[in-house]
Amino acid sequence: MKKQDRKFHRQTMNLGDLIVAVSSCSKNNRETVATVVDLLASGQVLMQCNGHASRAHVIR
């Protein structure tokens, strides 16, 4: 049975919320980690620290 695709709009989420959202659509933990790393590395998801947006530096 195929999982229904979810679309998330621009909103403030913490890292845990992002991981839960991605894992609800992925097949296993490896796919979850790979997707979160790709989102952070590509700049599609921005991280904030004290209100300042910054890109995450992901070392593979």
PDB file of N, CA and C in Angstrom:
ATOM      1  N   MET A   1       0.838  -1.172   0.000  1.00  0.00           N
ATOM      2  CA  MET A   1       0.000   0.000   0.000  1.00  0.00           C
ATOM      3  C   MET A   1       0.887   1.240   0.000  1.00  0.00           C
ATOM      4  N   LYS A   2       0.645   2.139  -0.938  1.00  0.00           N
ATOM      5  CA  LYS A   2       1.466   3.334  -1.076  1.00  0.00           C
ATOM      6  C   LYS A   2       1.062   4.376  -0.044  1.00  0.00           C
ATOM      7  N   LYS A   3       2.083   4.982   0.572  1.00  0.00           N
ATOM      8  CA  LYS A   3       1.808   6.052   1.522  1.00  0.00           C
ATOM      9  C   LYS A   3       1.408   7.304   0.766  1.00  0.00           C
ATOM     10  N   GLN A   4       0.515   8.070   1.341  1.00  0.00           N
ATOM     11  CA  GLN A   4       0.066   9.303   0.718  1.00  0.00           C
ATOM     12  C   GLN A   4       1.154  10.367   0.864  1.00  0.00           C
ATOM     13  N   ASP A   5       1.445  11.062  -0.241  1.00  0.00           N
ATOM     14  CA  ASP A   5       2.447  12.117  -0.204  1.00  0.00           C
ATOM     15  C   ASP A   5       1.930  13.293   0.610  1.00  0.00           C
ATOM     16  N   ARG A   6       2.818  13.877   1.391  1.00  0.00           N
ATOM     17  CA  ARG A   6       2.457  15.042   2.193  1.00  0.00           C
ATOM     18  C   ARG A   6       3.235  16.241   1.688  1.00  0.00           C
ATOM     19  N   LYS A   7       2.597  17.381   1.666  1.00  0.00           N
ATOM     20  CA  LYS A   7       3.248  18.606   1.245  1.00  0.00           C
ATOM     21  C   LYS A   7       3.289  19.551   2.436  1.00  0.00           C
ATOM     22  N   PHE A   8       4.477  20.015   2.751  1.00  0.00           N
ATOM     23  CA  PHE A   8       4.632  20.917   3.870  1.00  0.00           C
ATOM     24  C   PHE A   8       4.935  22.311   3.344  1.00  0.00           C
ATOM     25  N   HIS A   9       4.269  23.272   3.886  1.00  0.00           N
ATOM     26  CA  HIS A   9       4.473  24.651   3.479  1.00  0.00           C
ATOM     27  C   HIS A   9       5.520  25.288   4.371  1.00  0.00           C
ATOM     28  N   ARG A  10       6.016  26.402   3.937  1.00  0.00           N
ATOM     29  CA  ARG A  10       7.053  27.113   4.686  1.00  0.00           C
ATOM     30  C   ARG A  10       6.545  27.437   6.084  1.00  0.00           C
ATOM     31  N   GLN A  11       7.214  26.905   7.056  1.00  0.00           N
ATOM     32  CA  GLN A  11       6.842  27.149   8.445  1.00  0.00           C
ATOM     33  C   GLN A  11       8.050  26.883   9.323  1.00  0.00           C
ATOM     34  N   THR A  12       7.958  27.307  10.548  1.00  0.00           N
ATOM     35  CA  THR A  12       9.053  27.075  11.480  1.00  0.00           C
ATOM     36  C   THR A  12       8.865  25.713  12.130  1.00  0.00           C
ATOM     37  N   MET A  13       9.869  24.863  11.992  1.00  0.00           N
ATOM     38  CA  MET A  13       9.860  23.539  12.599  1.00  0.00           C
ATOM     39  C   MET A  13      11.203  23.350  13.277  1.00  0.00           C
ATOM     40  N   ASN A  14      11.227  22.521  14.294  1.00  0.00           N
ATOM     41  CA  ASN A  14      12.523  22.182  14.854  1.00  0.00           C
ATOM     42  C   ASN A  14      13.049  20.942  14.144  1.00  0.00           C
ATOM     43  N   LEU A  15      14.294  20.593  14.405  1.00  0.00           N
ATOM     44  CA  LEU A  15      14.917  19.478  13.706  1.00  0.00           C
ATOM     45  C   LEU A  15      14.173  18.169  13.962  1.00  0.00           C
ATOM     46  N   GLY A  16      13.683  17.985  15.164  1.00  0.00           N
ATOM     47  CA  GLY A  16      12.917  16.778  15.477  1.00  0.00           C
ATOM     48  C   GLY A  16      11.648  16.665  14.664  1.00  0.00           C
ATOM     49  N   ASP A  17      10.944  17.790  14.476  1.00  0.00           N
ATOM     50  CA  ASP A  17       9.734  17.792  13.652  1.00  0.00           C
ATOM     51  C   ASP A  17      10.055  17.435  12.206  1.00  0.00           C
ATOM     52  N   LEU A  18      11.178  17.954  11.696  1.00  0.00           N
ATOM     53  CA  LEU A  18      11.594  17.634  10.324  1.00  0.00           C
ATOM     54  C   LEU A  18      11.863  16.148  10.179  1.00  0.00           C
ATOM     55  N   ILE A  19      12.556  15.575  11.141  1.00  0.00           N
ATOM     56  CA  ILE A  19      12.878  14.149  11.085  1.00  0.00           C
ATOM     57  C   ILE A  19      11.614  13.306  11.145  1.00  0.00           C
ATOM     58  N   VAL A  20      10.677  13.671  12.006  1.00  0.00           N
ATOM     59  CA  VAL A  20       9.413  12.924  12.106  1.00  0.00           C
ATOM     60  C   VAL A  20       8.624  13.028  10.802  1.00  0.00           C
ATOM     61  N   ALA A  21       8.586  14.220  10.205  1.00  0.00           N
ATOM     62  CA  ALA A  21       7.852  14.410   8.955  1.00  0.00           C
ATOM     63  C   ALA A  21       8.462  13.580   7.830  1.00  0.00           C
ATOM     64  N   VAL A  22       9.780  13.567   7.749  1.00  0.00           N
ATOM     65  CA  VAL A  22      10.448  12.795   6.700  1.00  0.00           C
ATOM     66  C   VAL A  22      10.291  11.308   6.958  1.00  0.00           C
ATOM     67  N   SER A  23      10.424  10.878   8.194  1.00  0.00           N
ATOM     68  CA  SER A  23      10.329   9.445   8.489  1.00  0.00           C
ATOM     69  C   SER A  23       8.929   8.893   8.271  1.00  0.00           C
ATOM     70  N   SER A  24       7.916   9.762   8.343  1.00  0.00           N
ATOM     71  CA  SER A  24       6.556   9.280   8.093  1.00  0.00           C
ATOM     72  C   SER A  24       6.340   8.943   6.621  1.00  0.00           C
ATOM     73  N   CYS A  25       7.240   9.420   5.756  1.00  0.00           N
ATOM     74  CA  CYS A  25       7.115   9.172   4.316  1.00  0.00           C
ATOM     75  C   CYS A  25       8.205   8.253   3.783  1.00  0.00           C
ATOM     76  N   SER A  26       9.114   7.809   4.630  1.00  0.00           N
ATOM     77  CA  SER A  26      10.222   6.992   4.141  1.00  0.00           C
ATOM     78  C   SER A  26      10.045   5.529   4.541  1.00  0.00           C
ATOM     79  N   LYS A  27      10.818   4.686   3.885  1.00  0.00           N
ATOM     80  CA  LYS A  27      10.694   3.245   4.099  1.00  0.00           C
ATOM     81  C   LYS A  27      11.472   2.752   5.312  1.00  0.00           C
ATOM     82  N   ASN A  28      12.632   3.372   5.572  1.00  0.00           N
ATOM     83  CA  ASN A  28      13.474   2.918   6.680  1.00  0.00           C
ATOM     84  C   ASN A  28      14.319   4.070   7.209  1.00  0.00           C
ATOM     85  N   ASN A  29      15.106   3.795   8.235  1.00  0.00           N
ATOM     86  CA  ASN A  29      15.917   4.839   8.874  1.00  0.00           C
ATOM     87  C   ASN A  29      16.997   5.385   7.947  1.00  0.00           C
ATOM     88  N   ARG A  30      17.584   4.517   7.126  1.00  0.00           N
ATOM     89  CA  ARG A  30      18.619   4.974   6.196  1.00  0.00           C
ATOM     90  C   ARG A  30      18.062   5.995   5.214  1.00  0.00           C
ATOM     91  N   GLU A  31      16.889   5.735   4.708  1.00  0.00           N
ATOM     92  CA  GLU A  31      16.260   6.658   3.769  1.00  0.00           C
ATOM     93  C   GLU A  31      15.924   7.977   4.471  1.00  0.00           C
ATOM     94  N   THR A  32      15.499   7.908   5.714  1.00  0.00           N
ATOM     95  CA  THR A  32      15.201   9.119   6.483  1.00  0.00           C
ATOM     96  C   THR A  32      16.444   9.975   6.646  1.00  0.00           C
ATOM     97  N   VAL A  33      17.540   9.366   7.067  1.00  0.00           N
ATOM     98  CA  VAL A  33      18.783  10.103   7.277  1.00  0.00           C
ATOM     99  C   VAL A  33      19.281  10.693   5.962  1.00  0.00           C
ATOM    100  N   ALA A  34      19.247   9.906   4.896  1.00  0.00           N
ATOM    101  CA  ALA A  34      19.719  10.396   3.599  1.00  0.00           C
ATOM    102  C   ALA A  34      18.886  11.584   3.120  1.00  0.00           C
ATOM    103  N   THR A  35      17.592  11.536   3.323  1.00  0.00           N
ATOM    104  CA  THR A  35      16.720  12.617   2.885  1.00  0.00           C
ATOM    105  C   THR A  35      16.957  13.888   3.696  1.00  0.00           C
ATOM    106  N   VAL A  36      17.078  13.758   5.013  1.00  0.00           N
ATOM    107  CA  VAL A  36      17.314  14.924   5.858  1.00  0.00           C
ATOM    108  C   VAL A  36      18.668  15.551   5.523  1.00  0.00           C
ATOM    109  N   VAL A  37      19.681  14.734   5.321  1.00  0.00           N
ATOM    110  CA  VAL A  37      21.003  15.243   4.952  1.00  0.00           C
ATOM    111  C   VAL A  37      20.927  15.968   3.616  1.00  0.00           C
ATOM    112  N   ASP A  38      20.227  15.407   2.660  1.00  0.00           N
ATOM    113  CA  ASP A  38      20.100  16.039   1.343  1.00  0.00           C
ATOM    114  C   ASP A  38      19.352  17.363   1.438  1.00  0.00           C
ATOM    115  N   LEU A  39      18.292  17.419   2.230  1.00  0.00           N
ATOM    116  CA  LEU A  39      17.543  18.666   2.401  1.00  0.00           C
ATOM    117  C   LEU A  39      18.416  19.759   3.012  1.00  0.00           C
ATOM    118  N   LEU A  40      19.200  19.401   4.000  1.00  0.00           N
ATOM    119  CA  LEU A  40      20.073  20.372   4.647  1.00  0.00           C
ATOM    120  C   LEU A  40      21.216  20.800   3.734  1.00  0.00           C
ATOM    121  N   ALA A  41      21.838  19.839   3.048  1.00  0.00           N
ATOM    122  CA  ALA A  41      22.983  20.140   2.195  1.00  0.00           C
ATOM    123  C   ALA A  41      22.594  20.964   0.971  1.00  0.00           C
ATOM    124  N   SER A  42      21.392  20.738   0.441  1.00  0.00           N
ATOM    125  CA  SER A  42      20.974  21.447  -0.763  1.00  0.00           C
ATOM    126  C   SER A  42      20.448  22.849  -0.479  1.00  0.00           C
ATOM    127  N   GLY A  43      20.196  23.147   0.788  1.00  0.00           N
ATOM    128  CA  GLY A  43      19.686  24.471   1.136  1.00  0.00           C
ATOM    129  C   GLY A  43      18.175  24.581   1.035  1.00  0.00           C
ATOM    130  N   GLN A  44      17.488  23.482   0.768  1.00  0.00           N
ATOM    131  CA  GLN A  44      16.029  23.502   0.703  1.00  0.00           C
ATOM    132  C   GLN A  44      15.424  23.723   2.083  1.00  0.00           C
ATOM    133  N   VAL A  45      16.179  23.358   3.112  1.00  0.00           N
ATOM    134  CA  VAL A  45      15.769  23.585   4.493  1.00  0.00           C
ATOM    135  C   VAL A  45      16.841  24.459   5.124  1.00  0.00           C
ATOM    136  N   LEU A  46      16.437  25.564   5.686  1.00  0.00           N
ATOM    137  CA  LEU A  46      17.378  26.464   6.343  1.00  0.00           C
ATOM    138  C   LEU A  46      17.268  26.305   7.851  1.00  0.00           C
ATOM    139  N   MET A  47      18.403  26.366   8.499  1.00  0.00           N
ATOM    140  CA  MET A  47      18.428  26.294   9.953  1.00  0.00           C
ATOM    141  C   MET A  47      18.594  27.698  10.496  1.00  0.00           C
ATOM    142  N   GLN A  48      18.034  27.949  11.666  1.00  0.00           N
ATOM    143  CA  GLN A  48      18.154  29.250  12.309  1.00  0.00           C
ATOM    144  C   GLN A  48      18.812  29.093  13.666  1.00  0.00           C
ATOM    145  N   CYS A  49      19.614  30.080  13.995  1.00  0.00           N
ATOM    146  CA  CYS A  49      20.242  30.136  15.301  1.00  0.00           C
ATOM    147  C   CYS A  49      20.070  31.554  15.817  1.00  0.00           C
ATOM    148  N   ASN A  50      19.318  31.713  16.854  1.00  0.00           N
ATOM    149  CA  ASN A  50      19.021  33.034  17.423  1.00  0.00           C
ATOM    150  C   ASN A  50      18.409  33.987  16.400  1.00  0.00           C
ATOM    151  N   GLY A  51      17.540  33.452  15.560  1.00  0.00           N
ATOM    152  CA  GLY A  51      16.838  34.278  14.581  1.00  0.00           C
ATOM    153  C   GLY A  51      17.590  34.530  13.297  1.00  0.00           C
ATOM    154  N   HIS A  52      18.816  34.067  13.177  1.00  0.00           N
ATOM    155  CA  HIS A  52      19.617  34.262  11.971  1.00  0.00           C
ATOM    156  C   HIS A  52      19.628  32.973  11.160  1.00  0.00           C
ATOM    157  N   ALA A  53      19.175  33.059   9.898  1.00  0.00           N
ATOM    158  CA  ALA A  53      19.170  31.886   9.039  1.00  0.00           C
ATOM    159  C   ALA A  53      20.598  31.541   8.622  1.00  0.00           C
ATOM    160  N   SER A  54      20.897  30.269   8.599  1.00  0.00           N
ATOM    161  CA  SER A  54      22.217  29.833   8.153  1.00  0.00           C
ATOM    162  C   SER A  54      22.080  28.479   7.459  1.00  0.00           C
ATOM    163  N   ARG A  55      22.979  28.243   6.529  1.00  0.00           N
ATOM    164  CA  ARG A  55      22.975  26.951   5.861  1.00  0.00           C
ATOM    165  C   ARG A  55      23.721  25.947   6.709  1.00  0.00           C
ATOM    166  N   ALA A  56      23.239  24.728   6.693  1.00  0.00           N
ATOM    167  CA  ALA A  56      23.899  23.667   7.448  1.00  0.00           C
ATOM    168  C   ALA A  56      25.055  23.125   6.624  1.00  0.00           C
ATOM    169  N   HIS A  57      26.163  22.877   7.263  1.00  0.00           N
ATOM    170  CA  HIS A  57      27.314  22.282   6.586  1.00  0.00           C
ATOM    171  C   HIS A  57      27.295  20.804   6.916  1.00  0.00           C
ATOM    172  N   VAL A  58      27.010  19.982   5.912  1.00  0.00           N
ATOM    173  CA  VAL A  58      26.902  18.536   6.111  1.00  0.00           C
ATOM    174  C   VAL A  58      28.151  17.890   5.532  1.00  0.00           C
ATOM    175  N   ILE A  59      28.851  17.154   6.359  1.00  0.00           N
ATOM    176  CA  ILE A  59      30.056  16.452   5.916  1.00  0.00           C
ATOM    177  C   ILE A  59      29.682  14.993   5.719  1.00  0.00           C
ATOM    178  N   ARG A  60      29.929  14.526   4.533  1.00  0.00           N
ATOM    179  CA  ARG A  60      29.532  13.139   4.214  1.00  0.00           C
ATOM    180  C   ARG A  60      30.691  12.211   4.343  1.00  0.00           C
TER     181      ARG A  60
END
